[in-house]
N, C-alpha and C. Protein backbone atom coordinates (compact mmCIF):
# COMPACT_ATOMS: atom_id res chain seq x y z
N UNK A 1 -18.15 1.43 18.45
CA UNK A 1 -17.32 2.56 17.61
C UNK A 1 -16.24 2.40 17.76
N UNK A 2 -15.37 2.22 18.97
CA UNK A 2 -13.90 2.39 19.27
C UNK A 2 -13.66 0.97 18.47
N UNK A 3 -14.15 -0.13 18.68
CA UNK A 3 -13.84 -1.24 17.92
C UNK A 3 -13.78 -1.48 16.55
N UNK A 4 -14.77 -0.60 15.86
CA UNK A 4 -14.94 -0.37 14.50
C UNK A 4 -13.65 0.10 14.20
N UNK A 5 -13.22 1.15 14.49
CA UNK A 5 -11.90 2.02 14.18
C UNK A 5 -10.88 1.07 14.27
N UNK A 6 -10.92 0.36 15.40
CA UNK A 6 -9.77 -0.58 15.74
C UNK A 6 -9.73 -1.64 14.60
N UNK A 7 -10.80 -2.35 14.21
CA UNK A 7 -10.87 -3.47 13.24
C UNK A 7 -10.21 -2.70 11.78
N UNK A 8 -10.96 -1.72 11.59
CA UNK A 8 -10.34 -1.07 10.43
C UNK A 8 -8.86 -0.61 10.45
N UNK A 9 -8.31 0.07 11.22
CA UNK A 9 -7.04 0.30 11.15
C UNK A 9 -6.33 -1.28 10.82
N UNK A 10 -6.40 -2.20 11.54
CA UNK A 10 -5.84 -3.23 11.50
C UNK A 10 -5.81 -3.82 10.05
N UNK A 11 -7.26 -3.70 9.52
CA UNK A 11 -7.31 -4.42 8.04
C UNK A 11 -6.47 -3.26 7.13
N UNK A 12 -6.54 -1.96 7.35
CA UNK A 12 -6.04 -1.20 6.58
C UNK A 12 -4.23 -1.31 6.72
N UNK A 13 -3.73 -1.92 7.73
CA UNK A 13 -2.30 -2.34 7.84
C UNK A 13 -2.21 -3.49 7.29
N UNK A 14 -2.85 -4.39 7.24
CA UNK A 14 -2.80 -5.51 6.65
C UNK A 14 -2.82 -5.44 5.10
N UNK A 15 -3.64 -4.33 4.70
CA UNK A 15 -3.84 -4.22 3.40
C UNK A 15 -2.59 -3.65 2.67
N UNK A 16 -2.10 -2.67 3.39
CA UNK A 16 -0.87 -1.87 3.18
C UNK A 16 0.52 -2.81 3.06
N UNK A 17 0.64 -3.56 4.12
CA UNK A 17 1.66 -4.67 4.18
C UNK A 17 1.52 -5.33 3.08
N UNK A 18 0.42 -5.80 2.35
CA UNK A 18 0.58 -6.68 1.39
C UNK A 18 0.85 -5.97 -0.21
N UNK A 19 0.11 -4.83 -0.33
CA UNK A 19 0.48 -4.22 -1.38
C UNK A 19 1.29 -2.86 -1.67
N UNK A 20 1.74 -2.62 -0.73
CA UNK A 20 2.79 -1.56 -0.41
C UNK A 20 3.84 -2.03 -1.51
N UNK A 21 4.68 -3.22 -1.27
CA UNK A 21 5.78 -3.51 -2.08
C UNK A 21 5.42 -3.45 -3.35
N UNK A 22 4.37 -4.26 -3.72
CA UNK A 22 4.04 -4.29 -5.41
C UNK A 22 3.94 -3.02 -5.94
N UNK A 23 3.32 -2.00 -5.33
CA UNK A 23 2.98 -0.60 -5.76
C UNK A 23 4.35 -0.02 -5.91
N UNK A 24 5.21 0.02 -4.84
CA UNK A 24 6.43 0.63 -5.07
C UNK A 24 7.42 0.05 -5.83
N UNK A 25 7.36 -1.32 -6.18
CA UNK A 25 7.96 -1.61 -7.32
C UNK A 25 7.51 -1.28 -8.81
N UNK A 26 6.06 -1.07 -8.88
CA UNK A 26 5.34 -0.70 -10.25
C UNK A 26 5.76 0.81 -10.14
N UNK A 27 5.80 1.64 -9.06
CA UNK A 27 6.27 3.13 -9.49
C UNK A 27 7.75 3.02 -9.69
N UNK A 28 8.67 2.28 -9.30
CA UNK A 28 9.96 2.29 -9.92
C UNK A 28 10.27 2.14 -10.85
N UNK A 29 9.40 0.99 -11.79
CA UNK A 29 9.25 0.92 -13.08
C UNK A 29 8.65 1.78 -13.89
N UNK A 30 7.50 2.45 -13.50
CA UNK A 30 7.10 3.66 -14.25
C UNK A 30 7.97 4.64 -14.14
N UNK A 31 8.66 4.95 -13.10
CA UNK A 31 9.56 6.38 -13.08
C UNK A 31 10.86 6.03 -14.24
N UNK A 32 11.23 4.86 -14.13
CA UNK A 32 12.80 4.35 -14.96
C UNK A 32 11.82 4.73 -16.56
N UNK A 33 10.64 4.42 -16.82
CA UNK A 33 10.32 4.45 -18.43
C UNK A 33 9.78 5.78 -18.58
N UNK A 34 9.73 6.52 -17.35
CA UNK A 34 9.18 7.92 -17.73
C UNK A 34 10.45 8.78 -17.90
N UNK A 35 11.50 8.17 -17.43
CA UNK A 35 12.75 9.16 -17.67
C UNK A 35 13.59 8.94 -19.08
N UNK A 36 13.35 7.58 -19.43
CA UNK A 36 13.69 7.20 -20.50
C UNK A 36 12.61 7.94 -21.64
């Protein structure tokens, strides 16, 4: 059980590291277009 949680947390961190920068940039673009 502990190993399952540990593996899940590692995969979640890896996923966030890969996808956070792109989603952050997309959010910036969306907010800029929304303000205009």
